[in-house]
Structures are given as C-alpha cells and as structure tokens.
Amino acid sequence: MKNLRKLSRENLKTVKGGITEECARGQASSTACFSTLAACEATFSDPDFNFCIRYCNRYCY
C-alpha cells in the first residue's frame, strides 16, 4: 500500500487503463497500428520481412 500512496490521481488513471505518453508517441509515429500481431503481419507479403513492433498492447509498423 505504500507505493499506492505515492501515485497521484493522474498517474492512477494511467494505471487503470489509460495510455501513457510514451505509448501515445510510439503509436503516433507509426504508419499503422493493429490490435493483433496477426493483423499487423497480414499487411506484409513476405512473412520473413515485417516490421511489427509492440507498443503498449498494439502492434505497429
């Protein structure tokens, strides 16, 4: 419980399911994001040549 006392209300919202600034930046700088890895990989014709990166529960390239 000590750690929870150090969290501000804004940080607590992030812990409950919001998106952090780092995640938002990573997703915004990507070309496209998908909810599943399979959906992201389906956009590439060559399965050995894909750039899907996981950004906070989203797969982006």
PDB file of N, CA and C in Angstrom:
ATOM      1  N   MET A   1       0.808  -1.196   0.000  1.00  0.00           N
ATOM      2  CA  MET A   1       0.000   0.000   0.000  1.00  0.00           C
ATOM      3  C   MET A   1       0.854   1.263   0.000  1.00  0.00           C
ATOM      4  N   LYS A   2       2.094   1.178   0.442  1.00  0.00           N
ATOM      5  CA  LYS A   2       2.951   2.361   0.452  1.00  0.00           C
ATOM      6  C   LYS A   2       3.125   2.936  -0.950  1.00  0.00           C
ATOM      7  N   ASN A   3       3.320   2.061  -1.940  1.00  0.00           N
ATOM      8  CA  ASN A   3       3.525   2.531  -3.306  1.00  0.00           C
ATOM      9  C   ASN A   3       2.295   3.239  -3.856  1.00  0.00           C
ATOM     10  N   LEU A   4       1.122   2.795  -3.485  1.00  0.00           N
ATOM     11  CA  LEU A   4      -0.099   3.428  -3.977  1.00  0.00           C
ATOM     12  C   LEU A   4      -0.260   4.840  -3.444  1.00  0.00           C
ATOM     13  N   ARG A   5       0.239   5.103  -2.279  1.00  0.00           N
ATOM     14  CA  ARG A   5       0.135   6.446  -1.714  1.00  0.00           C
ATOM     15  C   ARG A   5       0.948   7.453  -2.504  1.00  0.00           C
ATOM     16  N   LYS A   6       2.004   6.994  -3.178  1.00  0.00           N
ATOM     17  CA  LYS A   6       2.867   7.884  -3.936  1.00  0.00           C
ATOM     18  C   LYS A   6       2.275   8.260  -5.296  1.00  0.00           C
ATOM     19  N   LEU A   7       1.268   7.534  -5.742  1.00  0.00           N
ATOM     20  CA  LEU A   7       0.663   7.814  -7.031  1.00  0.00           C
ATOM     21  C   LEU A   7      -0.275   9.016  -6.954  1.00  0.00           C
ATOM     22  N   SER A   8      -0.189   9.883  -7.938  1.00  0.00           N
ATOM     23  CA  SER A   8      -1.129  10.999  -8.000  1.00  0.00           C
ATOM     24  C   SER A   8      -2.412  10.512  -8.670  1.00  0.00           C
ATOM     25  N   ARG A   9      -3.440  11.316  -8.661  1.00  0.00           N
ATOM     26  CA  ARG A   9      -4.695  10.941  -9.319  1.00  0.00           C
ATOM     27  C   ARG A   9      -4.487  10.743 -10.819  1.00  0.00           C
ATOM     28  N   GLU A  10      -3.658  11.579 -11.427  1.00  0.00           N
ATOM     29  CA  GLU A  10      -3.409  11.454 -12.857  1.00  0.00           C
ATOM     30  C   GLU A  10      -2.687  10.141 -13.172  1.00  0.00           C
ATOM     31  N   ASN A  11      -1.706   9.795 -12.372  1.00  0.00           N
ATOM     32  CA  ASN A  11      -0.991   8.540 -12.582  1.00  0.00           C
ATOM     33  C   ASN A  11      -1.888   7.334 -12.323  1.00  0.00           C
ATOM     34  N   LEU A  12      -2.791   7.445 -11.402  1.00  0.00           N
ATOM     35  CA  LEU A  12      -3.695   6.340 -11.107  1.00  0.00           C
ATOM     36  C   LEU A  12      -4.600   6.059 -12.299  1.00  0.00           C
ATOM     37  N   LYS A  13      -5.020   7.090 -13.013  1.00  0.00           N
ATOM     38  CA  LYS A  13      -5.828   6.898 -14.218  1.00  0.00           C
ATOM     39  C   LYS A  13      -5.051   6.093 -15.246  1.00  0.00           C
ATOM     40  N   THR A  14      -3.760   6.354 -15.372  1.00  0.00           N
ATOM     41  CA  THR A  14      -2.921   5.629 -16.307  1.00  0.00           C
ATOM     42  C   THR A  14      -2.832   4.162 -15.910  1.00  0.00           C
ATOM     43  N   VAL A  15      -2.693   3.890 -14.631  1.00  0.00           N
ATOM     44  CA  VAL A  15      -2.600   2.515 -14.148  1.00  0.00           C
ATOM     45  C   VAL A  15      -3.903   1.762 -14.408  1.00  0.00           C
ATOM     46  N   LYS A  16      -5.030   2.443 -14.326  1.00  0.00           N
ATOM     47  CA  LYS A  16      -6.327   1.791 -14.505  1.00  0.00           C
ATOM     48  C   LYS A  16      -6.640   1.461 -15.958  1.00  0.00           C
ATOM     49  N   GLY A  17      -5.846   1.923 -16.902  1.00  0.00           N
ATOM     50  CA  GLY A  17      -6.102   1.549 -18.284  1.00  0.00           C
ATOM     51  C   GLY A  17      -5.933   2.672 -19.282  1.00  0.00           C
ATOM     52  N   GLY A  18      -5.447   3.799 -18.852  1.00  0.00           N
ATOM     53  CA  GLY A  18      -5.170   4.882 -19.782  1.00  0.00           C
ATOM     54  C   GLY A  18      -3.925   4.577 -20.584  1.00  0.00           C
ATOM     55  N   ILE A  19      -3.552   5.484 -21.452  1.00  0.00           N
ATOM     56  CA  ILE A  19      -2.361   5.294 -22.276  1.00  0.00           C
ATOM     57  C   ILE A  19      -1.294   6.282 -21.822  1.00  0.00           C
ATOM     58  N   THR A  20      -0.085   5.800 -21.683  1.00  0.00           N
ATOM     59  CA  THR A  20       0.995   6.668 -21.221  1.00  0.00           C
ATOM     60  C   THR A  20       1.480   7.537 -22.378  1.00  0.00           C
ATOM     61  N   GLU A  21       2.214   8.566 -22.050  1.00  0.00           N
ATOM     62  CA  GLU A  21       2.742   9.476 -23.070  1.00  0.00           C
ATOM     63  C   GLU A  21       3.696   8.756 -24.014  1.00  0.00           C
ATOM     64  N   GLU A  22       4.494   7.842 -23.485  1.00  0.00           N
ATOM     65  CA  GLU A  22       5.439   7.085 -24.309  1.00  0.00           C
ATOM     66  C   GLU A  22       4.702   6.206 -25.319  1.00  0.00           C
ATOM     67  N   CYS A  23       3.623   5.575 -24.874  1.00  0.00           N
ATOM     68  CA  CYS A  23       2.836   4.730 -25.772  1.00  0.00           C
ATOM     69  C   CYS A  23       2.176   5.568 -26.855  1.00  0.00           C
ATOM     70  N   ALA A  24       1.627   6.695 -26.479  1.00  0.00           N
ATOM     71  CA  ALA A  24       0.961   7.571 -27.441  1.00  0.00           C
ATOM     72  C   ALA A  24       1.950   8.063 -28.494  1.00  0.00           C
ATOM     73  N   ARG A  25       3.158   8.431 -28.081  1.00  0.00           N
ATOM     74  CA  ARG A  25       4.180   8.892 -29.025  1.00  0.00           C
ATOM     75  C   ARG A  25       4.582   7.787 -29.995  1.00  0.00           C
ATOM     76  N   GLY A  26       4.794   6.597 -29.471  1.00  0.00           N
ATOM     77  CA  GLY A  26       5.188   5.468 -30.314  1.00  0.00           C
ATOM     78  C   GLY A  26       4.129   5.116 -31.330  1.00  0.00           C
ATOM     79  N   GLN A  27       2.877   5.096 -30.915  1.00  0.00           N
ATOM     80  CA  GLN A  27       1.785   4.769 -31.821  1.00  0.00           C
ATOM     81  C   GLN A  27       1.570   5.883 -32.841  1.00  0.00           C
ATOM     82  N   ALA A  28       1.727   7.129 -32.429  1.00  0.00           N
ATOM     83  CA  ALA A  28       1.523   8.255 -33.341  1.00  0.00           C
ATOM     84  C   ALA A  28       2.609   8.314 -34.411  1.00  0.00           C
ATOM     85  N   SER A  29       3.815   7.886 -34.090  1.00  0.00           N
ATOM     86  CA  SER A  29       4.900   7.936 -35.058  1.00  0.00           C
ATOM     87  C   SER A  29       4.885   6.743 -36.011  1.00  0.00           C
ATOM     88  N   SER A  30       4.023   5.779 -35.775  1.00  0.00           N
ATOM     89  CA  SER A  30       3.932   4.598 -36.633  1.00  0.00           C
ATOM     90  C   SER A  30       3.050   4.870 -37.849  1.00  0.00           C
ATOM     91  N   THR A  31       3.246   4.056 -38.880  1.00  0.00           N
ATOM     92  CA  THR A  31       2.427   4.173 -40.088  1.00  0.00           C
ATOM     93  C   THR A  31       1.014   3.665 -39.821  1.00  0.00           C
ATOM     94  N   ALA A  32       0.917   2.499 -39.184  1.00  0.00           N
ATOM     95  CA  ALA A  32      -0.385   1.912 -38.867  1.00  0.00           C
ATOM     96  C   ALA A  32      -0.244   1.033 -37.635  1.00  0.00           C
ATOM     97  N   CYS A  33      -1.333   0.911 -36.867  1.00  0.00           N
ATOM     98  CA  CYS A  33      -1.353   0.060 -35.675  1.00  0.00           C
ATOM     99  C   CYS A  33      -2.550  -0.886 -35.726  1.00  0.00           C
ATOM    100  N   PHE A  34      -2.357  -2.076 -35.170  1.00  0.00           N
ATOM    101  CA  PHE A  34      -3.385  -3.102 -35.165  1.00  0.00           C
ATOM    102  C   PHE A  34      -3.513  -3.681 -33.766  1.00  0.00           C
ATOM    103  N   SER A  35      -4.657  -4.281 -33.484  1.00  0.00           N
ATOM    104  CA  SER A  35      -4.880  -4.843 -32.151  1.00  0.00           C
ATOM    105  C   SER A  35      -4.248  -6.222 -31.988  1.00  0.00           C
ATOM    106  N   THR A  36      -3.976  -6.913 -33.100  1.00  0.00           N
ATOM    107  CA  THR A  36      -3.357  -8.237 -33.016  1.00  0.00           C
ATOM    108  C   THR A  36      -2.103  -8.307 -33.881  1.00  0.00           C
ATOM    109  N   LEU A  37      -1.199  -9.185 -33.510  1.00  0.00           N
ATOM    110  CA  LEU A  37       0.021  -9.383 -34.279  1.00  0.00           C
ATOM    111  C   LEU A  37      -0.306  -9.960 -35.652  1.00  0.00           C
ATOM    112  N   ALA A  38      -1.261 -10.870 -35.711  1.00  0.00           N
ATOM    113  CA  ALA A  38      -1.640 -11.487 -36.982  1.00  0.00           C
ATOM    114  C   ALA A  38      -2.141 -10.442 -37.974  1.00  0.00           C
ATOM    115  N   ALA A  39      -2.927  -9.489 -37.506  1.00  0.00           N
ATOM    116  CA  ALA A  39      -3.434  -8.431 -38.383  1.00  0.00           C
ATOM    117  C   ALA A  39      -2.298  -7.565 -38.899  1.00  0.00           C
ATOM    118  N   CYS A  40      -1.339  -7.282 -38.060  1.00  0.00           N
ATOM    119  CA  CYS A  40      -0.181  -6.485 -38.469  1.00  0.00           C
ATOM    120  C   CYS A  40       0.654  -7.243 -39.497  1.00  0.00           C
ATOM    121  N   GLU A  41       0.931  -8.504 -39.235  1.00  0.00           N
ATOM    122  CA  GLU A  41       1.748  -9.312 -40.144  1.00  0.00           C
ATOM    123  C   GLU A  41       1.050  -9.560 -41.469  1.00  0.00           C
ATOM    124  N   ALA A  42      -0.273  -9.538 -41.493  1.00  0.00           N
ATOM    125  CA  ALA A  42      -1.032  -9.775 -42.723  1.00  0.00           C
ATOM    126  C   ALA A  42      -0.834  -8.661 -43.743  1.00  0.00           C
ATOM    127  N   THR A  43      -0.359  -7.512 -43.311  1.00  0.00           N
ATOM    128  CA  THR A  43      -0.146  -6.402 -44.231  1.00  0.00           C
ATOM    129  C   THR A  43       1.136  -6.557 -45.043  1.00  0.00           C
ATOM    130  N   PHE A  44       2.005  -7.493 -44.669  1.00  0.00           N
ATOM    131  CA  PHE A  44       3.261  -7.725 -45.377  1.00  0.00           C
ATOM    132  C   PHE A  44       3.147  -8.972 -46.242  1.00  0.00           C
ATOM    133  N   SER A  45       3.596  -8.890 -47.486  1.00  0.00           N
ATOM    134  CA  SER A  45       3.501 -10.044 -48.386  1.00  0.00           C
ATOM    135  C   SER A  45       4.545 -11.109 -48.058  1.00  0.00           C
ATOM    136  N   ASP A  46       5.694 -10.719 -47.548  1.00  0.00           N
ATOM    137  CA  ASP A  46       6.754 -11.662 -47.192  1.00  0.00           C
ATOM    138  C   ASP A  46       6.774 -11.828 -45.670  1.00  0.00           C
ATOM    139  N   PRO A  47       6.437 -13.012 -45.156  1.00  0.00           N
ATOM    140  CA  PRO A  47       6.374 -13.205 -43.692  1.00  0.00           C
ATOM    141  C   PRO A  47       7.715 -13.045 -42.983  1.00  0.00           C
ATOM    142  N   ASP A  48       8.821 -13.224 -43.700  1.00  0.00           N
ATOM    143  CA  ASP A  48      10.140 -13.051 -43.093  1.00  0.00           C
ATOM    144  C   ASP A  48      10.581 -11.590 -43.079  1.00  0.00           C
ATOM    145  N   PHE A  49       9.818 -10.745 -43.721  1.00  0.00           N
ATOM    146  CA  PHE A  49      10.191  -9.337 -43.845  1.00  0.00           C
ATOM    147  C   PHE A  49       9.043  -8.465 -43.321  1.00  0.00           C
ATOM    148  N   ASN A  50       8.945  -8.373 -42.009  1.00  0.00           N
ATOM    149  CA  ASN A  50       7.920  -7.495 -41.439  1.00  0.00           C
ATOM    150  C   ASN A  50       8.530  -6.702 -40.290  1.00  0.00           C
ATOM    151  N   PHE A  51       7.915  -5.590 -40.006  1.00  0.00           N
ATOM    152  CA  PHE A  51       8.439  -4.679 -39.002  1.00  0.00           C
ATOM    153  C   PHE A  51       7.431  -4.423 -37.887  1.00  0.00           C
ATOM    154  N   CYS A  52       6.640  -5.398 -37.522  1.00  0.00           N
ATOM    155  CA  CYS A  52       5.633  -5.213 -36.479  1.00  0.00           C
ATOM    156  C   CYS A  52       6.316  -5.091 -35.116  1.00  0.00           C
ATOM    157  N   ILE A  53       6.026  -4.002 -34.450  1.00  0.00           N
ATOM    158  CA  ILE A  53       6.588  -3.731 -33.128  1.00  0.00           C
ATOM    159  C   ILE A  53       5.429  -3.537 -32.164  1.00  0.00           C
ATOM    160  N   ARG A  54       5.566  -4.071 -30.977  1.00  0.00           N
ATOM    161  CA  ARG A  54       4.503  -3.936 -29.993  1.00  0.00           C
ATOM    162  C   ARG A  54       4.683  -2.641 -29.201  1.00  0.00           C
ATOM    163  N   TYR A  55       3.678  -1.789 -29.275  1.00  0.00           N
ATOM    164  CA  TYR A  55       3.627  -0.557 -28.494  1.00  0.00           C
ATOM    165  C   TYR A  55       2.415  -0.635 -27.572  1.00  0.00           C
ATOM    166  N   CYS A  56       2.631  -1.042 -26.345  1.00  0.00           N
ATOM    167  CA  CYS A  56       1.565  -0.973 -25.331  1.00  0.00           C
ATOM    168  C   CYS A  56       0.247  -1.573 -25.805  1.00  0.00           C
ATOM    169  N   ASN A  57       0.220  -2.853 -26.013  1.00  0.00           N
ATOM    170  CA  ASN A  57      -0.973  -3.604 -26.406  1.00  0.00           C
ATOM    171  C   ASN A  57      -1.447  -3.339 -27.826  1.00  0.00           C
ATOM    172  N   ARG A  58      -0.633  -2.729 -28.663  1.00  0.00           N
ATOM    173  CA  ARG A  58      -0.933  -2.516 -30.080  1.00  0.00           C
ATOM    174  C   ARG A  58       0.295  -2.931 -30.878  1.00  0.00           C
ATOM    175  N   TYR A  59       0.059  -3.465 -32.071  1.00  0.00           N
ATOM    176  CA  TYR A  59       1.161  -3.852 -32.949  1.00  0.00           C
ATOM    177  C   TYR A  59       1.224  -2.854 -34.091  1.00  0.00           C
ATOM    178  N   CYS A  60       2.364  -2.197 -34.226  1.00  0.00           N
ATOM    179  CA  CYS A  60       2.509  -1.112 -35.182  1.00  0.00           C
ATOM    180  C   CYS A  60       3.704  -1.353 -36.095  1.00  0.00           C
ATOM    181  N   TYR A  61       3.655  -0.686 -37.232  1.00  0.00           N
ATOM    182  CA  TYR A  61       4.825  -0.658 -38.125  1.00  0.00           C
ATOM    183  C   TYR A  61       4.993   0.721 -38.691  1.00  0.00           C
TER     184      TYR A  61
END
